Amino acid sequence: MKVEVLHARYPDEDCDVLVVIDGIPQKEADITYVDVDPGRGYTAEDWNESTDWESQPERGHTPAFAAAVAGAYADGRDSKYVEKD
């Protein structure tokens, strides 16, 4: 299987993600996308809220994806751009 992902960010706005599997573009409704971006503008409280939100079982992440998201948030917590309390 070949998976291709295009992430396009509009300057200072949102992002679009296109996923193509074996040459077939996937419908947006079939794609789970989590953006972990420990850039400027986050306080520790904001970061923790985002982490908690993405950790909720209601989000419906598979165990492997949930573990990857949790790891990315844990790594991002130490970013010099996330303001510490």
N, C-alpha and C. Protein backbone atom coordinates (compact mmCIF):
# COMPACT_ATOMS: atom_id res chain seq x y z
N MET A 1 0.84 -1.16 0.00
CA MET A 1 0.00 0.00 0.00
C MET A 1 0.89 1.24 0.00
N LYS A 2 0.52 2.22 -0.79
CA LYS A 2 1.24 3.48 -0.83
C LYS A 2 0.32 4.57 -0.29
N VAL A 3 0.78 5.28 0.73
CA VAL A 3 0.02 6.38 1.32
C VAL A 3 0.78 7.67 1.08
N GLU A 4 0.09 8.66 0.52
CA GLU A 4 0.68 9.97 0.27
C GLU A 4 -0.16 11.01 0.99
N VAL A 5 0.52 11.95 1.64
CA VAL A 5 -0.17 12.98 2.41
C VAL A 5 0.36 14.35 2.00
N LEU A 6 -0.56 15.23 1.63
CA LEU A 6 -0.21 16.61 1.30
C LEU A 6 -0.82 17.50 2.38
N HIS A 7 0.03 18.25 3.06
CA HIS A 7 -0.40 19.20 4.09
C HIS A 7 -0.11 20.58 3.55
N ALA A 8 -1.17 21.39 3.32
CA ALA A 8 -1.00 22.74 2.79
C ALA A 8 -1.52 23.74 3.81
N ARG A 9 -0.63 24.62 4.26
CA ARG A 9 -1.02 25.62 5.23
C ARG A 9 -1.14 26.97 4.55
N TYR A 10 -2.24 27.64 4.83
CA TYR A 10 -2.43 28.99 4.33
C TYR A 10 -1.81 29.94 5.34
N PRO A 11 -1.05 30.94 4.89
CA PRO A 11 -0.35 31.82 5.83
C PRO A 11 -1.27 32.37 6.92
N ASP A 12 -0.89 32.09 8.16
CA ASP A 12 -1.61 32.56 9.34
C ASP A 12 -3.08 32.15 9.35
N GLU A 13 -3.41 31.06 8.69
CA GLU A 13 -4.78 30.56 8.68
C GLU A 13 -4.77 29.06 8.89
N ASP A 14 -5.79 28.39 8.35
CA ASP A 14 -5.94 26.96 8.57
C ASP A 14 -5.12 26.15 7.57
N CYS A 15 -5.28 24.84 7.66
CA CYS A 15 -4.54 23.92 6.81
C CYS A 15 -5.52 23.00 6.09
N ASP A 16 -5.11 22.51 4.94
CA ASP A 16 -5.83 21.46 4.24
C ASP A 16 -4.92 20.25 4.18
N VAL A 17 -5.54 19.08 4.26
CA VAL A 17 -4.79 17.84 4.18
C VAL A 17 -5.46 16.96 3.13
N LEU A 18 -4.65 16.46 2.22
CA LEU A 18 -5.12 15.51 1.22
C LEU A 18 -4.40 14.20 1.45
N VAL A 19 -5.17 13.12 1.55
CA VAL A 19 -4.59 11.79 1.71
C VAL A 19 -4.95 10.98 0.48
N VAL A 20 -3.93 10.38 -0.12
CA VAL A 20 -4.12 9.54 -1.30
C VAL A 20 -3.56 8.17 -0.97
N ILE A 21 -4.39 7.15 -1.10
CA ILE A 21 -3.97 5.77 -0.83
C ILE A 21 -4.04 4.99 -2.13
N ASP A 22 -2.88 4.44 -2.52
CA ASP A 22 -2.76 3.71 -3.78
C ASP A 22 -3.35 4.50 -4.95
N GLY A 23 -3.07 5.80 -4.97
CA GLY A 23 -3.50 6.65 -6.08
C GLY A 23 -4.93 7.13 -6.01
N ILE A 24 -5.65 6.81 -4.94
CA ILE A 24 -7.06 7.20 -4.82
C ILE A 24 -7.20 8.23 -3.70
N PRO A 25 -7.59 9.47 -4.06
CA PRO A 25 -7.81 10.48 -3.02
C PRO A 25 -8.92 10.03 -2.07
N GLN A 26 -8.70 10.22 -0.79
CA GLN A 26 -9.67 9.80 0.22
C GLN A 26 -10.63 10.95 0.52
N LYS A 27 -11.85 10.59 0.85
CA LYS A 27 -12.84 11.59 1.22
C LYS A 27 -12.46 12.21 2.55
N GLU A 28 -12.71 13.50 2.69
CA GLU A 28 -12.36 14.20 3.92
C GLU A 28 -12.99 13.54 5.15
N ALA A 29 -14.20 13.00 5.01
CA ALA A 29 -14.90 12.39 6.13
C ALA A 29 -14.19 11.13 6.61
N ASP A 30 -13.36 10.54 5.78
CA ASP A 30 -12.65 9.31 6.14
C ASP A 30 -11.29 9.57 6.76
N ILE A 31 -10.92 10.83 6.92
CA ILE A 31 -9.58 11.18 7.38
C ILE A 31 -9.63 11.75 8.79
N THR A 32 -8.84 11.19 9.68
CA THR A 32 -8.65 11.75 11.01
C THR A 32 -7.33 12.49 10.99
N TYR A 33 -7.38 13.76 11.31
CA TYR A 33 -6.19 14.60 11.24
C TYR A 33 -6.03 15.34 12.56
N VAL A 34 -4.87 15.22 13.16
CA VAL A 34 -4.55 15.94 14.39
C VAL A 34 -3.29 16.75 14.11
N ASP A 35 -3.37 18.04 14.37
CA ASP A 35 -2.24 18.93 14.17
C ASP A 35 -1.63 19.25 15.53
N VAL A 36 -0.42 18.81 15.75
CA VAL A 36 0.30 19.12 16.99
C VAL A 36 1.41 20.09 16.60
N ASP A 37 1.22 21.36 16.97
CA ASP A 37 2.13 22.42 16.53
C ASP A 37 2.52 23.27 17.75
N PRO A 38 3.62 22.91 18.41
CA PRO A 38 4.01 23.65 19.61
C PRO A 38 4.71 24.97 19.27
N GLY A 39 4.05 25.78 18.47
CA GLY A 39 4.62 27.07 18.09
C GLY A 39 4.17 28.17 19.03
N ARG A 40 4.52 29.36 18.68
CA ARG A 40 4.20 30.52 19.51
C ARG A 40 2.70 30.65 19.73
N GLY A 41 2.36 31.19 20.91
CA GLY A 41 0.97 31.50 21.20
C GLY A 41 0.28 30.55 22.16
N TYR A 42 0.92 29.47 22.53
CA TYR A 42 0.33 28.54 23.49
C TYR A 42 0.81 28.85 24.90
N THR A 43 -0.12 28.81 25.84
CA THR A 43 0.25 28.78 27.24
C THR A 43 0.25 27.31 27.65
N ALA A 44 0.84 27.01 28.79
CA ALA A 44 0.83 25.63 29.27
C ALA A 44 -0.60 25.15 29.45
N GLU A 45 -1.48 26.03 29.93
CA GLU A 45 -2.89 25.65 30.13
C GLU A 45 -3.55 25.31 28.80
N ASP A 46 -3.32 26.13 27.77
CA ASP A 46 -3.87 25.84 26.44
C ASP A 46 -3.35 24.50 25.92
N TRP A 47 -2.06 24.29 26.09
CA TRP A 47 -1.44 23.05 25.61
C TRP A 47 -2.05 21.85 26.30
N ASN A 48 -2.24 21.95 27.62
CA ASN A 48 -2.83 20.85 28.37
C ASN A 48 -4.27 20.60 27.95
N GLU A 49 -5.04 21.66 27.66
CA GLU A 49 -6.41 21.50 27.19
C GLU A 49 -6.45 20.76 25.85
N SER A 50 -5.55 21.13 24.95
CA SER A 50 -5.49 20.45 23.65
C SER A 50 -5.12 18.98 23.83
N THR A 51 -4.16 18.73 24.71
CA THR A 51 -3.75 17.36 24.99
C THR A 51 -4.91 16.55 25.54
N ASP A 52 -5.63 17.12 26.50
CA ASP A 52 -6.77 16.42 27.10
C ASP A 52 -7.86 16.15 26.08
N TRP A 53 -8.13 17.14 25.22
CA TRP A 53 -9.17 16.99 24.19
C TRP A 53 -8.83 15.83 23.26
N GLU A 54 -7.62 15.77 22.79
CA GLU A 54 -7.24 14.72 21.84
C GLU A 54 -7.11 13.35 22.51
N SER A 55 -7.06 13.32 23.83
CA SER A 55 -6.93 12.06 24.56
C SER A 55 -8.28 11.42 24.89
N GLN A 56 -9.36 12.13 24.64
CA GLN A 56 -10.69 11.62 24.98
C GLN A 56 -11.04 10.41 24.10
N PRO A 57 -11.57 9.35 24.72
CA PRO A 57 -11.99 8.18 23.93
C PRO A 57 -13.03 8.53 22.87
N GLU A 58 -13.82 9.56 23.13
CA GLU A 58 -14.85 9.97 22.19
C GLU A 58 -14.27 10.42 20.85
N ARG A 59 -13.00 10.75 20.83
CA ARG A 59 -12.36 11.17 19.57
C ARG A 59 -12.27 10.00 18.60
N GLY A 60 -12.33 8.78 19.14
CA GLY A 60 -12.37 7.59 18.30
C GLY A 60 -11.07 7.19 17.65
N HIS A 61 -9.94 7.61 18.21
CA HIS A 61 -8.64 7.25 17.65
C HIS A 61 -8.36 5.77 17.89
N THR A 62 -7.69 5.14 16.94
CA THR A 62 -7.21 3.79 17.17
C THR A 62 -6.12 3.85 18.25
N PRO A 63 -5.86 2.74 18.93
CA PRO A 63 -4.82 2.77 19.96
C PRO A 63 -3.45 3.24 19.45
N ALA A 64 -3.06 2.81 18.27
CA ALA A 64 -1.75 3.20 17.73
C ALA A 64 -1.72 4.70 17.43
N PHE A 65 -2.81 5.23 16.86
CA PHE A 65 -2.85 6.65 16.55
C PHE A 65 -2.90 7.47 17.83
N ALA A 66 -3.69 7.02 18.80
CA ALA A 66 -3.79 7.72 20.09
C ALA A 66 -2.43 7.79 20.77
N ALA A 67 -1.66 6.72 20.71
CA ALA A 67 -0.33 6.70 21.32
C ALA A 67 0.61 7.67 20.60
N ALA A 68 0.51 7.73 19.27
CA ALA A 68 1.36 8.66 18.51
C ALA A 68 1.00 10.10 18.82
N VAL A 69 -0.30 10.40 18.92
CA VAL A 69 -0.75 11.76 19.25
C VAL A 69 -0.28 12.14 20.65
N ALA A 70 -0.45 11.23 21.61
CA ALA A 70 -0.02 11.50 22.99
C ALA A 70 1.48 11.76 23.04
N GLY A 71 2.25 10.99 22.29
CA GLY A 71 3.70 11.19 22.26
C GLY A 71 4.07 12.54 21.66
N ALA A 72 3.37 12.94 20.60
CA ALA A 72 3.66 14.23 19.97
C ALA A 72 3.32 15.38 20.91
N TYR A 73 2.21 15.27 21.62
CA TYR A 73 1.87 16.31 22.60
C TYR A 73 2.87 16.34 23.75
N ALA A 74 3.30 15.18 24.21
CA ALA A 74 4.29 15.13 25.30
C ALA A 74 5.60 15.79 24.85
N ASP A 75 6.03 15.49 23.64
CA ASP A 75 7.26 16.10 23.12
C ASP A 75 7.10 17.61 22.97
N GLY A 76 5.94 18.05 22.49
CA GLY A 76 5.70 19.47 22.26
C GLY A 76 5.61 20.29 23.52
N ARG A 77 5.25 19.66 24.62
CA ARG A 77 5.11 20.38 25.90
C ARG A 77 6.40 21.08 26.29
N ASP A 78 7.53 20.55 25.87
CA ASP A 78 8.82 21.13 26.23
C ASP A 78 9.30 22.20 25.25
N SER A 79 8.47 22.54 24.28
CA SER A 79 8.85 23.56 23.30
C SER A 79 9.13 24.89 23.99
N LYS A 80 10.14 25.58 23.51
CA LYS A 80 10.46 26.89 24.08
C LYS A 80 9.36 27.90 23.78
N TYR A 81 8.46 27.58 22.86
CA TYR A 81 7.39 28.50 22.48
C TYR A 81 6.11 28.31 23.30
N VAL A 82 6.00 27.20 24.02
CA VAL A 82 4.84 26.98 24.90
C VAL A 82 5.18 27.62 26.23
N GLU A 83 4.45 28.71 26.54
CA GLU A 83 4.74 29.45 27.78
C GLU A 83 4.50 28.57 29.00
N LYS A 84 5.44 28.54 29.88
CA LYS A 84 5.33 27.75 31.10
C LYS A 84 4.55 28.54 32.16
N ASP A 85 3.88 27.80 33.03
CA ASP A 85 3.13 28.45 34.12
C ASP A 85 4.05 29.06 35.14
